[in-house]
Amino acid sequence: MDIRSPAGVVVGVDGSPHATVAADWAAQEAERRGCGLHLVYAVNTGTVTLSPRSGAAVTDLILKNAQAVLDEAIDLVGAAHPTLRPTGDVVPRDAAAAVLAAAEHAELAVVGTRGHGGFAALLLGSVSLRVCAHASCPVVVVRVPPERGDCVLVAIREERDAEALRFGAGQALRAGLPLRALHTWSPVVTDIARGAPLLDESGEEAKLHEQLLSRTVDPVRAEFPELAIEAEDHSGPTAATLVEASKGAALLVVARHRPAPHLGLRLGTAVHAVLHHAHCPVAVIPL
């Protein structure tokens, strides 16, 4: 089966409450962007060990039930967001592969984190992790029922993260929220004997990080003069700082710095941590 690849927002659904929350978030985002919304239901028809005729009948039943779940999801989204005309596909293949294929030319992919189908397996979900690791477009993981939040929070590690900051700026403008850029860093100079950071009496290291943040944020400020942008840096553990800061955010934006290989997930420990523990939806931006 060919999967349609719309240039809008793509969301994976599986009939679970978590997927329903993700679909509603995706619908709101499609409305703000003025683009289409496409729902993907991936279903594993399995390896049929019955006779060919019985096996075909079982497969047809599985696909028919999946279509009913998808139709219900489309109807729910359409009723809650009457300005949208959502579309959808039932795809008999691996869930992550189905979403990745559908999102190949999309502006944004959205996934949930739990359910009893393709998006279930772990605390976050192996499907969500795979989509975040391999997608060519930004991916938003809606891990909890999102609240309004008072800002869009963007994690800044290096100057290349300006692309993630631009994504966050667009999100903030569409949502009518300010943007907060947060740079975290750990002291490089340590007491080798004790393995502890040394006090940087001259503050040179702190100044370097302050300058890095300015070089990253200032061009984005110039591109979005109508947007309120707050920039701050903190010395401390990245993951813990971001998770704590996410409590007041509507969205946390993080960069995926390296292309993920076909084998294994290379999202980095900080990204893994915020995907599992953030208090708001998380957007992962491929650089």
Protein backbone atom coordinates (compact mmCIF):
# COMPACT_ATOMS: atom_id res chain seq x y z
CA MET A 1 0.00 0.00 0.00
CA ASP A 2 1.29 3.45 -0.87
CA ILE A 3 1.19 6.03 1.90
CA ARG A 4 0.13 9.54 1.10
CA SER A 5 2.78 12.04 2.06
CA PRO A 6 1.08 15.38 2.64
CA ALA A 7 2.97 18.62 3.20
CA GLY A 8 1.15 19.40 6.45
CA VAL A 9 0.97 17.88 9.92
CA VAL A 10 1.10 14.09 10.25
CA VAL A 11 0.02 12.31 13.44
CA GLY A 12 0.18 8.66 14.42
CA VAL A 13 -2.96 7.23 16.03
CA ASP A 14 -3.81 3.82 17.48
CA GLY A 15 -7.14 4.25 19.23
CA SER A 16 -5.60 4.84 22.67
CA PRO A 17 -6.33 7.86 24.92
CA HIS A 18 -2.72 9.03 24.57
CA ALA A 19 -2.97 8.96 20.79
CA THR A 20 -6.24 10.89 20.99
CA VAL A 21 -4.48 13.63 22.98
CA ALA A 22 -1.69 13.71 20.38
CA ALA A 23 -4.22 13.93 17.53
CA ASP A 24 -5.97 16.87 19.19
CA TRP A 25 -2.62 18.66 19.72
CA ALA A 26 -1.76 18.02 16.06
CA ALA A 27 -5.14 19.38 14.96
CA GLN A 28 -4.62 22.59 16.92
CA GLU A 29 -1.20 22.96 15.34
CA ALA A 30 -2.59 22.38 11.83
CA GLU A 31 -5.18 25.08 12.49
CA ARG A 32 -2.51 27.53 13.60
CA ARG A 33 -0.39 26.74 10.55
CA GLY A 34 -3.32 26.79 8.15
CA CYS A 35 -2.30 23.41 6.70
CA GLY A 36 -3.72 19.93 6.34
CA LEU A 37 -3.81 17.18 8.96
CA HIS A 38 -3.14 13.54 8.07
CA LEU A 39 -3.72 10.65 10.49
CA VAL A 40 -1.78 7.39 10.17
CA TYR A 41 -2.93 4.14 11.76
CA ALA A 42 -0.30 1.41 11.46
CA VAL A 43 -1.53 -2.11 12.06
CA ASN A 44 0.46 -5.33 12.18
CA THR A 45 -1.49 -8.01 10.33
CA GLY A 46 1.03 -10.60 11.55
CA THR A 47 2.19 -13.81 9.96
CA VAL A 48 -0.89 -15.84 9.20
CA THR A 49 -0.41 -19.57 9.79
CA LEU A 50 -3.90 -20.63 8.72
CA SER A 51 -4.95 -21.70 5.27
CA PRO A 52 -4.57 -19.03 2.56
CA ARG A 53 -8.32 -18.47 2.50
CA SER A 54 -8.65 -18.22 6.29
CA GLY A 55 -5.52 -16.10 6.48
CA ALA A 56 -6.89 -13.61 3.95
CA ALA A 57 -10.14 -13.41 5.89
CA VAL A 58 -8.31 -12.68 9.15
CA THR A 59 -6.22 -10.00 7.48
CA ASP A 60 -9.31 -8.36 5.99
CA LEU A 61 -10.97 -8.36 9.42
CA ILE A 62 -7.91 -6.75 11.05
CA LEU A 63 -7.77 -4.05 8.38
CA LYS A 64 -11.53 -3.46 8.60
CA ASN A 65 -11.33 -2.98 12.37
CA ALA A 66 -8.35 -0.67 11.95
CA GLN A 67 -10.25 1.43 9.40
CA ALA A 68 -13.13 1.75 11.86
CA VAL A 69 -10.75 3.03 14.55
CA LEU A 70 -9.17 5.47 12.11
CA ASP A 71 -12.57 6.71 10.89
CA GLU A 72 -13.61 7.34 14.48
CA ALA A 73 -10.42 9.31 15.13
CA ILE A 74 -10.97 11.39 11.98
CA ASP A 75 -14.57 12.08 13.01
CA LEU A 76 -13.52 13.15 16.51
CA VAL A 77 -10.88 15.52 15.16
CA GLY A 78 -13.24 16.92 12.54
CA ALA A 79 -15.97 17.55 15.11
CA ALA A 80 -13.58 19.31 17.50
CA HIS A 81 -11.89 21.30 14.72
CA PRO A 82 -14.51 22.03 12.04
CA THR A 83 -12.16 24.19 9.98
CA LEU A 84 -10.01 21.14 9.23
CA ARG A 85 -10.60 18.42 6.67
CA PRO A 86 -8.42 15.65 8.10
CA THR A 87 -7.38 12.70 5.98
CA GLY A 88 -6.03 9.33 7.03
CA ASP A 89 -4.50 6.00 6.03
CA VAL A 90 -4.49 2.52 7.52
CA VAL A 91 -1.04 1.12 6.84
CA PRO A 92 -0.27 -2.62 7.28
CA ARG A 93 3.32 -2.21 8.37
CA ASP A 94 5.59 -1.27 11.24
CA ALA A 95 4.23 1.78 13.07
CA ALA A 96 7.43 3.84 13.10
CA ALA A 97 8.09 3.12 9.42
CA ALA A 98 4.53 4.12 8.56
CA VAL A 99 4.76 7.48 10.32
CA LEU A 100 8.23 8.18 8.93
CA ALA A 101 7.06 7.47 5.39
CA ALA A 102 3.96 9.62 5.77
CA ALA A 103 6.00 12.46 7.26
CA GLU A 104 8.70 12.42 4.58
CA HIS A 105 7.45 15.69 3.08
CA ALA A 106 5.47 16.95 6.07
CA GLU A 107 6.04 20.16 7.99
CA LEU A 108 5.66 18.36 11.29
CA ALA A 109 5.09 14.86 12.69
CA VAL A 110 3.27 14.29 15.97
CA VAL A 111 3.27 11.12 18.08
CA GLY A 112 1.86 10.10 21.42
CA THR A 113 3.63 7.99 23.98
CA ARG A 114 1.35 5.24 25.18
CA GLY A 115 -1.51 3.11 24.04
CA HIS A 116 -2.44 -0.49 23.41
CA GLY A 117 -1.29 -0.55 19.82
CA GLY A 118 1.67 0.63 17.78
CA PHE A 119 2.60 3.48 20.13
CA ALA A 120 2.59 1.52 23.38
CA ALA A 121 5.67 -0.45 24.26
CA LEU A 122 7.66 1.51 26.86
CA LEU A 123 7.35 4.49 29.17
CA LEU A 124 7.89 6.71 26.17
CA GLY A 125 7.50 4.07 23.49
CA SER A 126 9.94 2.55 21.03
CA VAL A 127 7.92 3.92 18.11
CA SER A 128 8.09 7.50 19.39
CA LEU A 129 11.84 7.16 19.95
CA ARG A 130 12.41 5.77 16.45
CA VAL A 131 10.39 8.52 14.83
CA CYS A 132 12.29 11.18 16.79
CA ALA A 133 15.62 9.59 15.89
CA HIS A 134 15.03 9.16 12.15
CA ALA A 135 12.48 11.75 10.97
CA SER A 136 13.60 14.30 8.41
CA CYS A 137 11.10 16.86 9.76
CA PRO A 138 10.52 18.17 13.29
CA VAL A 139 8.72 15.72 15.57
CA VAL A 140 6.54 16.66 18.55
CA VAL A 141 6.02 14.07 21.27
CA VAL A 142 2.89 14.71 23.31
CA ARG A 143 3.66 12.75 26.46
CA VAL A 144 1.02 14.17 28.80
CA PRO A 145 -2.24 16.08 28.36
CA PRO A 146 -0.67 19.47 27.62
CA GLU A 147 -1.55 22.62 29.50
CA ARG A 148 -1.45 26.13 28.10
CA GLY A 149 1.99 27.06 29.46
CA ASP A 150 3.39 30.57 29.53
CA CYS A 151 6.22 30.28 26.98
CA VAL A 152 7.93 28.19 24.33
CA LEU A 153 11.21 26.91 25.78
CA VAL A 154 14.19 26.16 23.53
CA ALA A 155 17.29 24.30 24.69
CA ILE A 156 20.51 25.82 23.35
CA ARG A 157 23.71 23.75 23.37
CA GLU A 158 25.71 25.31 20.56
CA GLU A 159 25.35 27.94 17.83
CA ARG A 160 23.88 25.44 15.37
CA ASP A 161 20.86 25.31 17.64
CA ALA A 162 19.76 28.60 16.12
CA GLU A 163 17.67 26.44 13.75
CA ALA A 164 15.83 24.96 16.71
CA LEU A 165 15.41 28.47 18.07
CA ARG A 166 13.86 29.61 14.78
CA PHE A 167 11.43 26.70 14.95
CA GLY A 168 10.55 27.70 18.50
CA ALA A 169 10.09 31.31 17.42
CA GLY A 170 7.55 30.27 14.81
CA GLN A 171 5.72 28.16 17.36
CA ALA A 172 5.70 31.02 19.87
CA LEU A 173 4.36 33.51 17.34
CA ARG A 174 1.53 31.22 16.26
CA ALA A 175 0.63 30.50 19.88
CA GLY A 176 0.91 34.11 21.02
CA LEU A 177 3.56 33.27 23.61
CA PRO A 178 7.03 34.61 24.45
CA LEU A 179 10.14 32.59 23.63
CA ARG A 180 12.67 31.49 26.25
CA ALA A 181 16.13 30.34 25.15
CA LEU A 182 17.94 28.34 27.81
CA HIS A 183 21.62 27.44 27.53
CA THR A 184 23.02 24.96 30.05
CA TRP A 185 26.67 24.11 30.50
CA SER A 186 29.05 22.33 32.86
CA PRO A 187 32.41 23.76 33.93
CA VAL A 188 35.29 22.39 31.88
CA VAL A 189 38.09 23.14 34.36
CA THR A 190 38.11 20.57 37.16
CA ASP A 191 40.21 19.58 40.13
CA ILE A 192 41.78 16.40 38.72
CA ALA A 193 42.59 15.05 42.17
CA ARG A 194 39.04 15.44 43.43
CA GLY A 195 37.14 15.31 40.15
CA ALA A 196 35.22 18.46 41.12
CA PRO A 197 34.75 21.74 39.24
CA LEU A 198 37.09 24.55 40.21
CA LEU A 199 35.91 28.09 40.80
CA ASP A 200 36.53 30.19 37.73
CA GLU A 201 37.64 33.30 39.57
CA SER A 202 37.93 35.43 36.47
CA GLY A 203 34.56 34.25 35.12
CA GLU A 204 36.10 33.63 31.70
CA GLU A 205 34.30 30.37 31.14
CA ALA A 206 30.96 31.91 32.06
CA LYS A 207 31.64 34.81 29.72
CA LEU A 208 32.31 32.41 26.83
CA HIS A 209 28.96 30.72 27.35
CA GLU A 210 27.22 34.07 27.64
CA GLN A 211 28.77 35.10 24.31
CA LEU A 212 27.77 31.80 22.68
CA LEU A 213 24.18 32.38 23.76
CA SER A 214 24.21 35.94 22.42
CA ARG A 215 25.62 34.86 19.05
CA THR A 216 22.88 32.25 18.81
CA VAL A 217 19.94 34.36 19.96
CA ASP A 218 20.71 37.81 18.48
CA PRO A 219 20.19 36.84 14.79
CA VAL A 220 16.86 35.24 15.67
CA ARG A 221 15.84 38.35 17.58
CA ALA A 222 16.54 40.35 14.43
CA GLU A 223 14.45 37.95 12.33
CA PHE A 224 11.51 38.06 14.75
CA PRO A 225 11.42 41.67 16.04
CA GLU A 226 7.78 41.32 17.11
CA LEU A 227 8.55 38.39 19.41
CA ALA A 228 9.61 38.70 23.05
CA ILE A 229 12.71 36.53 23.47
CA GLU A 230 14.32 35.88 26.83
CA ALA A 231 17.80 34.33 26.91
CA GLU A 232 19.52 32.85 29.94
CA ASP A 233 22.32 30.43 30.72
CA HIS A 234 22.77 28.10 33.65
CA SER A 235 25.74 26.12 34.90
CA GLY A 236 24.47 22.69 35.84
CA PRO A 237 23.10 19.37 34.55
CA THR A 238 21.31 19.86 31.24
CA ALA A 239 18.57 17.26 31.54
CA ALA A 240 17.52 18.14 35.09
CA THR A 241 17.50 21.86 34.31
CA LEU A 242 15.37 21.43 31.19
CA VAL A 243 12.91 19.08 32.87
CA GLU A 244 12.43 21.54 35.72
CA ALA A 245 12.07 24.48 33.33
CA SER A 246 9.50 22.58 31.27
CA LYS A 247 6.99 22.81 34.13
CA GLY A 248 5.87 26.24 32.98
CA ALA A 249 6.27 25.78 29.23
CA ALA A 250 3.75 25.04 26.50
CA LEU A 251 6.43 23.33 24.43
CA LEU A 252 10.07 22.35 24.91
CA VAL A 253 12.22 22.40 21.77
CA VAL A 254 15.46 20.40 21.58
CA ALA A 255 17.85 19.77 18.70
CA ARG A 256 18.88 16.40 17.32
CA HIS A 257 22.51 17.07 16.54
CA ARG A 258 23.55 13.95 14.65
CA PRO A 259 21.72 11.97 11.99
CA ALA A 260 20.52 8.74 13.53
CA PRO A 261 21.96 5.57 11.99
CA HIS A 262 19.72 2.77 10.83
CA LEU A 263 20.77 0.64 13.78
CA GLY A 264 20.31 2.06 17.25
CA LEU A 265 18.95 5.31 18.61
CA ARG A 266 21.38 8.21 18.91
CA LEU A 267 19.32 10.99 20.44
CA GLY A 268 21.72 11.77 23.27
CA THR A 269 21.16 11.34 26.98
CA ALA A 270 19.68 14.80 27.57
CA VAL A 271 17.15 14.41 24.75
CA HIS A 272 16.19 10.96 26.02
CA ALA A 273 15.69 12.37 29.50
CA VAL A 274 13.43 15.23 28.47
CA LEU A 275 11.41 12.98 26.17
CA HIS A 276 10.69 10.71 29.12
CA HIS A 277 10.28 13.28 31.88
CA ALA A 278 9.34 16.70 30.49
CA HIS A 279 6.15 18.26 31.81
CA CYS A 280 5.05 19.52 28.40
CA PRO A 281 5.15 18.34 24.76
CA VAL A 282 8.68 18.07 23.34
CA ALA A 283 9.72 19.01 19.81
CA VAL A 284 12.83 17.32 18.40
CA ILE A 285 14.43 19.26 15.54
CA PRO A 286 16.82 17.47 13.15
CA LEU A 287 19.86 19.59 12.29
